[in-house]
């Protein structure tokens, strides 16, 4: 089993899954998560709102989320 440096909780019925099937399931989940956890995907699905403007620029969004907390009057809004 590969170590993917993430914690996953996978619930399954023991009689249905064997070790090979479980390994394949974890690999498929990892592939799905790798596709959606990228910066460009995050920037496409969010916009940054400040007191004076709304921006969808990738550079501005990444700069804002680089901090542990957003600055005052900065908001990340999901487009979903």
PDB file of N, CA and C in Angstrom:
ATOM      1  N   UNK A   1       0.847  -1.181   0.000  1.00  0.00           N
ATOM      2  CA  UNK A   1       0.000   0.000   0.000  1.00  0.00           C
ATOM      3  C   UNK A   1       0.888   1.238   0.000  1.00  0.00           C
ATOM      4  N   UNK A   2       0.624   2.163  -0.891  1.00  0.00           N
ATOM      5  CA  UNK A   2       1.391   3.394  -0.970  1.00  0.00           C
ATOM      6  C   UNK A   2       0.993   4.327   0.161  1.00  0.00           C
ATOM      7  N   UNK A   3       1.948   5.139   0.607  1.00  0.00           N
ATOM      8  CA  UNK A   3       1.674   6.128   1.639  1.00  0.00           C
ATOM      9  C   UNK A   3       1.404   7.468   0.953  1.00  0.00           C
ATOM     10  N   UNK A   4       0.177   7.979   1.057  1.00  0.00           N
ATOM     11  CA  UNK A   4      -0.219   9.186   0.350  1.00  0.00           C
ATOM     12  C   UNK A   4      -0.178  10.441   1.203  1.00  0.00           C
ATOM     13  N   UNK A   5       0.304  10.366   2.437  1.00  0.00           N
ATOM     14  CA  UNK A   5       0.426  11.518   3.328  1.00  0.00           C
ATOM     15  C   UNK A   5      -0.923  12.212   3.532  1.00  0.00           C
ATOM     16  N   UNK A   6      -1.941  11.439   3.763  1.00  0.00           N
ATOM     17  CA  UNK A   6      -3.273  11.965   4.060  1.00  0.00           C
ATOM     18  C   UNK A   6      -4.015  10.931   4.892  1.00  0.00           C
ATOM     19  N   UNK A   7      -4.973  11.408   5.632  1.00  0.00           N
ATOM     20  CA  UNK A   7      -5.798  10.518   6.434  1.00  0.00           C
ATOM     21  C   UNK A   7      -7.147  10.338   5.743  1.00  0.00           C
ATOM     22  N   UNK A   8      -7.492   9.117   5.492  1.00  0.00           N
ATOM     23  CA  UNK A   8      -8.788   8.783   4.907  1.00  0.00           C
ATOM     24  C   UNK A   8      -9.492   7.806   5.831  1.00  0.00           C
ATOM     25  N   UNK A   9     -10.760   8.030   6.024  1.00  0.00           N
ATOM     26  CA  UNK A   9     -11.577   7.086   6.770  1.00  0.00           C
ATOM     27  C   UNK A   9     -12.465   6.393   5.752  1.00  0.00           C
ATOM     28  N   UNK A  10     -12.263   5.124   5.620  1.00  0.00           N
ATOM     29  CA  UNK A  10     -12.985   4.344   4.632  1.00  0.00           C
ATOM     30  C   UNK A  10     -13.796   3.281   5.366  1.00  0.00           C
ATOM     31  N   UNK A  11     -15.097   3.338   5.211  1.00  0.00           N
ATOM     32  CA  UNK A  11     -15.978   2.358   5.841  1.00  0.00           C
ATOM     33  C   UNK A  11     -16.404   1.340   4.787  1.00  0.00           C
ATOM     34  N   UNK A  12     -16.276   0.082   5.132  1.00  0.00           N
ATOM     35  CA  UNK A  12     -16.631  -0.965   4.191  1.00  0.00           C
ATOM     36  C   UNK A  12     -17.085  -2.206   4.936  1.00  0.00           C
ATOM     37  N   UNK A  13     -17.806  -3.063   4.231  1.00  0.00           N
ATOM     38  CA  UNK A  13     -18.221  -4.338   4.811  1.00  0.00           C
ATOM     39  C   UNK A  13     -17.119  -5.357   4.569  1.00  0.00           C
ATOM     40  N   UNK A  14     -16.736  -5.994   5.629  1.00  0.00           N
ATOM     41  CA  UNK A  14     -15.580  -6.888   5.571  1.00  0.00           C
ATOM     42  C   UNK A  14     -15.759  -8.044   4.586  1.00  0.00           C
ATOM     43  N   UNK A  15     -16.958  -8.578   4.492  1.00  0.00           N
ATOM     44  CA  UNK A  15     -17.156  -9.720   3.608  1.00  0.00           C
ATOM     45  C   UNK A  15     -17.157  -9.329   2.129  1.00  0.00           C
ATOM     46  N   UNK A  16     -17.348  -8.049   1.824  1.00  0.00           N
ATOM     47  CA  UNK A  16     -17.394  -7.608   0.435  1.00  0.00           C
ATOM     48  C   UNK A  16     -16.004  -7.267  -0.087  1.00  0.00           C
ATOM     49  N   UNK A  17     -15.160  -6.655   0.740  1.00  0.00           N
ATOM     50  CA  UNK A  17     -13.853  -6.184   0.302  1.00  0.00           C
ATOM     51  C   UNK A  17     -12.749  -7.143   0.716  1.00  0.00           C
ATOM     52  N   UNK A  18     -11.816  -7.341  -0.193  1.00  0.00           N
ATOM     53  CA  UNK A  18     -10.576  -8.023   0.157  1.00  0.00           C
ATOM     54  C   UNK A  18      -9.445  -6.983   0.079  1.00  0.00           C
ATOM     55  N   UNK A  19      -8.222  -7.380   0.360  1.00  0.00           N
ATOM     56  CA  UNK A  19      -7.118  -6.417   0.406  1.00  0.00           C
ATOM     57  C   UNK A  19      -6.838  -5.762  -0.937  1.00  0.00           C
ATOM     58  N   UNK A  20      -6.927  -6.516  -2.011  1.00  0.00           N
ATOM     59  CA  UNK A  20      -6.662  -5.949  -3.336  1.00  0.00           C
ATOM     60  C   UNK A  20      -7.722  -4.930  -3.737  1.00  0.00           C
ATOM     61  N   UNK A  21      -8.957  -5.254  -3.477  1.00  0.00           N
ATOM     62  CA  UNK A  21     -10.049  -4.337  -3.803  1.00  0.00           C
ATOM     63  C   UNK A  21      -9.972  -3.071  -2.954  1.00  0.00           C
ATOM     64  N   UNK A  22      -9.626  -3.219  -1.693  1.00  0.00           N
ATOM     65  CA  UNK A  22      -9.464  -2.065  -0.809  1.00  0.00           C
ATOM     66  C   UNK A  22      -8.318  -1.174  -1.280  1.00  0.00           C
ATOM     67  N   UNK A  23      -7.207  -1.765  -1.695  1.00  0.00           N
ATOM     68  CA  UNK A  23      -6.071  -1.001  -2.213  1.00  0.00           C
ATOM     69  C   UNK A  23      -6.466  -0.230  -3.472  1.00  0.00           C
ATOM     70  N   UNK A  24      -7.201  -0.864  -4.369  1.00  0.00           N
ATOM     71  CA  UNK A  24      -7.648  -0.193  -5.589  1.00  0.00           C
ATOM     72  C   UNK A  24      -8.584   0.964  -5.265  1.00  0.00           C
ATOM     73  N   UNK A  25      -9.452   0.775  -4.295  1.00  0.00           N
ATOM     74  CA  UNK A  25     -10.385   1.822  -3.869  1.00  0.00           C
ATOM     75  C   UNK A  25      -9.635   3.041  -3.318  1.00  0.00           C
ATOM     76  N   UNK A  26      -8.618   2.796  -2.505  1.00  0.00           N
ATOM     77  CA  UNK A  26      -7.813   3.890  -1.938  1.00  0.00           C
ATOM     78  C   UNK A  26      -7.058   4.628  -3.048  1.00  0.00           C
ATOM     79  N   UNK A  27      -6.508   3.909  -3.996  1.00  0.00           N
ATOM     80  CA  UNK A  27      -5.806   4.539  -5.110  1.00  0.00           C
ATOM     81  C   UNK A  27      -6.751   5.395  -5.954  1.00  0.00           C
ATOM     82  N   UNK A  28      -7.961   4.906  -6.189  1.00  0.00           N
ATOM     83  CA  UNK A  28      -8.945   5.689  -6.956  1.00  0.00           C
ATOM     84  C   UNK A  28      -9.352   6.951  -6.197  1.00  0.00           C
ATOM     85  N   UNK A  29      -9.560   6.837  -4.901  1.00  0.00           N
ATOM     86  CA  UNK A  29      -9.881   8.018  -4.090  1.00  0.00           C
ATOM     87  C   UNK A  29      -8.746   9.024  -4.115  1.00  0.00           C
ATOM     88  N   UNK A  30      -7.528   8.542  -4.046  1.00  0.00           N
ATOM     89  CA  UNK A  30      -6.375   9.429  -4.103  1.00  0.00           C
ATOM     90  C   UNK A  30      -6.315  10.170  -5.442  1.00  0.00           C
ATOM     91  N   UNK A  31      -6.567   9.481  -6.529  1.00  0.00           N
ATOM     92  CA  UNK A  31      -6.563  10.119  -7.848  1.00  0.00           C
ATOM     93  C   UNK A  31      -7.642  11.201  -7.951  1.00  0.00           C
ATOM     94  N   UNK A  32      -8.816  10.917  -7.433  1.00  0.00           N
ATOM     95  CA  UNK A  32      -9.905  11.907  -7.450  1.00  0.00           C
ATOM     96  C   UNK A  32      -9.511  13.136  -6.643  1.00  0.00           C
ATOM     97  N   UNK A  33      -8.967  12.911  -5.454  1.00  0.00           N
ATOM     98  CA  UNK A  33      -8.582  14.036  -4.597  1.00  0.00           C
ATOM     99  C   UNK A  33      -7.439  14.841  -5.192  1.00  0.00           C
ATOM    100  N   UNK A  34      -6.511  14.191  -5.873  1.00  0.00           N
ATOM    101  CA  UNK A  34      -5.404  14.914  -6.502  1.00  0.00           C
ATOM    102  C   UNK A  34      -5.903  15.835  -7.618  1.00  0.00           C
ATOM    103  N   UNK A  35      -6.968  15.450  -8.294  1.00  0.00           N
ATOM    104  CA  UNK A  35      -7.512  16.283  -9.373  1.00  0.00           C
ATOM    105  C   UNK A  35      -8.222  17.528  -8.846  1.00  0.00           C
ATOM    106  N   UNK A  36      -8.868  17.425  -7.690  1.00  0.00           N
ATOM    107  CA  UNK A  36      -9.660  18.553  -7.199  1.00  0.00           C
ATOM    108  C   UNK A  36      -8.935  19.411  -6.168  1.00  0.00           C
ATOM    109  N   UNK A  37      -7.801  18.954  -5.645  1.00  0.00           N
ATOM    110  CA  UNK A  37      -7.092  19.713  -4.617  1.00  0.00           C
ATOM    111  C   UNK A  37      -5.974  20.571  -5.190  1.00  0.00           C
ATOM    112  N   UNK A  38      -6.109  21.018  -6.395  1.00  0.00           N
ATOM    113  CA  UNK A  38      -5.090  21.858  -7.018  1.00  0.00           C
ATOM    114  C   UNK A  38      -5.469  23.332  -6.862  1.00  0.00           C
ATOM    115  N   UNK A  39      -4.458  24.191  -6.932  1.00  0.00           N
ATOM    116  CA  UNK A  39      -4.687  25.631  -6.776  1.00  0.00           C
ATOM    117  C   UNK A  39      -5.572  26.201  -7.871  1.00  0.00           C
ATOM    118  N   UNK A  40      -5.370  25.781  -9.112  1.00  0.00           N
ATOM    119  CA  UNK A  40      -6.172  26.341 -10.195  1.00  0.00           C
ATOM    120  C   UNK A  40      -7.648  25.970 -10.061  1.00  0.00           C
ATOM    121  N   UNK A  41      -7.932  24.780  -9.579  1.00  0.00           N
ATOM    122  CA  UNK A  41      -9.327  24.369  -9.360  1.00  0.00           C
ATOM    123  C   UNK A  41      -9.937  25.181  -8.221  1.00  0.00           C
ATOM    124  N   UNK A  42      -9.172  25.380  -7.146  1.00  0.00           N
ATOM    125  CA  UNK A  42      -9.656  26.182  -6.023  1.00  0.00           C
ATOM    126  C   UNK A  42      -9.950  27.611  -6.474  1.00  0.00           C
ATOM    127  N   UNK A  43      -9.074  28.184  -7.276  1.00  0.00           N
ATOM    128  CA  UNK A  43      -9.270  29.569  -7.725  1.00  0.00           C
ATOM    129  C   UNK A  43     -10.432  29.708  -8.702  1.00  0.00           C
ATOM    130  N   UNK A  44     -10.711  28.669  -9.474  1.00  0.00           N
ATOM    131  CA  UNK A  44     -11.863  28.716 -10.375  1.00  0.00           C
ATOM    132  C   UNK A  44     -13.182  28.647  -9.631  1.00  0.00           C
ATOM    133  N   UNK A  45     -13.186  28.033  -8.464  1.00  0.00           N
ATOM    134  CA  UNK A  45     -14.436  27.845  -7.730  1.00  0.00           C
ATOM    135  C   UNK A  45     -14.649  28.856  -6.618  1.00  0.00           C
ATOM    136  N   UNK A  46     -13.726  29.790  -6.420  1.00  0.00           N
ATOM    137  CA  UNK A  46     -13.851  30.805  -5.378  1.00  0.00           C
ATOM    138  C   UNK A  46     -13.550  32.188  -5.946  1.00  0.00           C
ATOM    139  N   UNK A  47     -14.067  33.182  -5.275  1.00  0.00           N
ATOM    140  CA  UNK A  47     -13.710  34.559  -5.589  1.00  0.00           C
ATOM    141  C   UNK A  47     -13.406  35.281  -4.291  1.00  0.00           C
ATOM    142  N   UNK A  48     -12.533  36.279  -4.377  1.00  0.00           N
ATOM    143  CA  UNK A  48     -12.098  37.037  -3.218  1.00  0.00           C
ATOM    144  C   UNK A  48     -12.857  38.354  -3.180  1.00  0.00           C
ATOM    145  N   UNK A  49     -13.505  38.603  -2.049  1.00  0.00           N
ATOM    146  CA  UNK A  49     -14.285  39.827  -1.881  1.00  0.00           C
ATOM    147  C   UNK A  49     -13.614  40.666  -0.802  1.00  0.00           C
ATOM    148  N   UNK A  50     -13.317  41.926  -1.148  1.00  0.00           N
ATOM    149  CA  UNK A  50     -12.790  42.872  -0.166  1.00  0.00           C
ATOM    150  C   UNK A  50     -13.835  43.962   0.010  1.00  0.00           C
ATOM    151  N   UNK A  51     -13.476  44.963   0.801  1.00  0.00           N
ATOM    152  CA  UNK A  51     -14.433  46.057   1.013  1.00  0.00           C
ATOM    153  C   UNK A  51     -14.773  46.787  -0.273  1.00  0.00           C
ATOM    154  N   UNK A  52     -13.826  46.864  -1.198  1.00  0.00           N
ATOM    155  CA  UNK A  52     -14.017  47.701  -2.377  1.00  0.00           C
ATOM    156  C   UNK A  52     -14.116  46.949  -3.691  1.00  0.00           C
ATOM    157  N   UNK A  53     -13.810  45.653  -3.699  1.00  0.00           N
ATOM    158  CA  UNK A  53     -13.819  44.957  -4.990  1.00  0.00           C
ATOM    159  C   UNK A  53     -14.079  43.463  -4.836  1.00  0.00           C
ATOM    160  N   UNK A  54     -14.433  42.880  -5.949  1.00  0.00           N
ATOM    161  CA  UNK A  54     -14.586  41.432  -6.061  1.00  0.00           C
ATOM    162  C   UNK A  54     -13.635  40.991  -7.163  1.00  0.00           C
ATOM    163  N   UNK A  55     -12.782  40.028  -6.873  1.00  0.00           N
ATOM    164  CA  UNK A  55     -11.819  39.583  -7.873  1.00  0.00           C
ATOM    165  C   UNK A  55     -11.834  38.077  -8.017  1.00  0.00           C
ATOM    166  N   UNK A  56     -11.546  37.626  -9.224  1.00  0.00           N
ATOM    167  CA  UNK A  56     -11.426  36.205  -9.506  1.00  0.00           C
ATOM    168  C   UNK A  56     -10.010  35.873  -9.955  1.00  0.00           C
ATOM    169  N   UNK A  57      -9.072  36.811  -9.776  1.00  0.00           N
ATOM    170  CA  UNK A  57      -7.693  36.615 -10.197  1.00  0.00           C
ATOM    171  C   UNK A  57      -7.006  35.579  -9.312  1.00  0.00           C
ATOM    172  N   UNK A  58      -6.379  34.626  -9.967  1.00  0.00           N
ATOM    173  CA  UNK A  58      -5.742  33.519  -9.257  1.00  0.00           C
ATOM    174  C   UNK A  58      -4.640  34.007  -8.323  1.00  0.00           C
ATOM    175  N   UNK A  59      -3.837  34.941  -8.784  1.00  0.00           N
ATOM    176  CA  UNK A  59      -2.729  35.446  -7.978  1.00  0.00           C
ATOM    177  C   UNK A  59      -3.220  36.109  -6.691  1.00  0.00           C
ATOM    178  N   UNK A  60      -4.277  36.885  -6.765  1.00  0.00           N
ATOM    179  CA  UNK A  60      -4.824  37.571  -5.590  1.00  0.00           C
ATOM    180  C   UNK A  60      -5.426  36.584  -4.602  1.00  0.00           C
ATOM    181  N   UNK A  61      -6.105  35.563  -5.106  1.00  0.00           N
ATOM    182  CA  UNK A  61      -6.718  34.560  -4.232  1.00  0.00           C
ATOM    183  C   UNK A  61      -5.642  33.749  -3.514  1.00  0.00           C
ATOM    184  N   UNK A  62      -4.620  33.329  -4.248  1.00  0.00           N
ATOM    185  CA  UNK A  62      -3.548  32.550  -3.637  1.00  0.00           C
ATOM    186  C   UNK A  62      -2.770  33.374  -2.611  1.00  0.00           C
ATOM    187  N   UNK A  63      -2.588  34.653  -2.886  1.00  0.00           N
ATOM    188  CA  UNK A  63      -1.896  35.531  -1.936  1.00  0.00           C
ATOM    189  C   UNK A  63      -2.720  35.684  -0.656  1.00  0.00           C
ATOM    190  N   UNK A  64      -4.023  35.794  -0.804  1.00  0.00           N
ATOM    191  CA  UNK A  64      -4.900  35.970   0.360  1.00  0.00           C
ATOM    192  C   UNK A  64      -4.945  34.715   1.225  1.00  0.00           C
ATOM    193  N   UNK A  65      -4.943  33.548   0.622  1.00  0.00           N
ATOM    194  CA  UNK A  65      -5.046  32.319   1.413  1.00  0.00           C
ATOM    195  C   UNK A  65      -3.694  31.825   1.917  1.00  0.00           C
ATOM    196  N   UNK A  66      -2.619  32.503   1.554  1.00  0.00           N
ATOM    197  CA  UNK A  66      -1.292  32.109   2.041  1.00  0.00           C
ATOM    198  C   UNK A  66      -1.169  32.332   3.547  1.00  0.00           C
ATOM    199  N   UNK A  67      -1.943  33.256   4.089  1.00  0.00           N
ATOM    200  CA  UNK A  67      -1.925  33.539   5.522  1.00  0.00           C
ATOM    201  C   UNK A  67      -2.779  32.514   6.251  1.00  0.00           C
ATOM    202  N   UNK A  68      -2.503  32.353   7.543  1.00  0.00           N
ATOM    203  CA  UNK A  68      -3.277  31.415   8.372  1.00  0.00           C
ATOM    204  C   UNK A  68      -4.739  31.860   8.470  1.00  0.00           C
ATOM    205  N   UNK A  69      -4.964  33.155   8.580  1.00  0.00           N
ATOM    206  CA  UNK A  69      -6.315  33.729   8.591  1.00  0.00           C
ATOM    207  C   UNK A  69      -6.376  34.821   7.543  1.00  0.00           C
ATOM    208  N   UNK A  70      -7.555  35.031   6.994  1.00  0.00           N
ATOM    209  CA  UNK A  70      -7.720  36.125   6.037  1.00  0.00           C
ATOM    210  C   UNK A  70      -7.633  37.463   6.763  1.00  0.00           C
ATOM    211  N   UNK A  71      -7.206  38.473   6.037  1.00  0.00           N
ATOM    212  CA  UNK A  71      -7.150  39.812   6.612  1.00  0.00           C
ATOM    213  C   UNK A  71      -8.568  40.285   6.917  1.00  0.00           C
ATOM    214  N   UNK A  72      -8.708  41.296   7.781  1.00  0.00           N
ATOM    215  CA  UNK A  72     -10.043  41.827   8.051  1.00  0.00           C
ATOM    216  C   UNK A  72     -10.707  42.343   6.774  1.00  0.00           C
ATOM    217  N   UNK A  73     -11.982  42.077   6.634  1.00  0.00           N
ATOM    218  CA  UNK A  73     -12.810  42.492   5.485  1.00  0.00           C
ATOM    219  C   UNK A  73     -12.394  41.808   4.179  1.00  0.00           C
ATOM    220  N   UNK A  74     -11.729  40.680   4.272  1.00  0.00           N
ATOM    221  CA  UNK A  74     -11.457  39.832   3.110  1.00  0.00           C
ATOM    222  C   UNK A  74     -12.304  38.577   3.283  1.00  0.00           C
ATOM    223  N   UNK A  75     -12.998  38.202   2.225  1.00  0.00           N
ATOM    224  CA  UNK A  75     -13.884  37.046   2.290  1.00  0.00           C
ATOM    225  C   UNK A  75     -13.687  36.179   1.056  1.00  0.00           C
ATOM    226  N   UNK A  76     -13.643  34.874   1.252  1.00  0.00           N
ATOM    227  CA  UNK A  76     -13.632  33.932   0.152  1.00  0.00           C
ATOM    228  C   UNK A  76     -15.047  33.412  -0.029  1.00  0.00           C
ATOM    229  N   UNK A  77     -15.558  33.590  -1.213  1.00  0.00           N
ATOM    230  CA  UNK A  77     -16.916  33.175  -1.513  1.00  0.00           C
ATOM    231  C   UNK A  77     -16.859  32.037  -2.537  1.00  0.00           C
ATOM    232  N   UNK A  78     -17.537  30.941  -2.217  1.00  0.00           N
ATOM    233  CA  UNK A  78     -17.611  29.820  -3.141  1.00  0.00           C
ATOM    234  C   UNK A  78     -18.639  30.137  -4.226  1.00  0.00           C
ATOM    235  N   UNK A  79     -18.308  29.835  -5.447  1.00  0.00           N
ATOM    236  CA  UNK A  79     -19.222  30.091  -6.563  1.00  0.00           C
ATOM    237  C   UNK A  79     -20.310  29.019  -6.669  1.00  0.00           C
ATOM    238  N   UNK A  80     -20.191  27.952  -5.929  1.00  0.00           N
ATOM    239  CA  UNK A  80     -21.182  26.866  -6.005  1.00  0.00           C
ATOM    240  C   UNK A  80     -22.476  27.250  -5.358  1.00  0.00           C
TER     241      UNK A  80
END
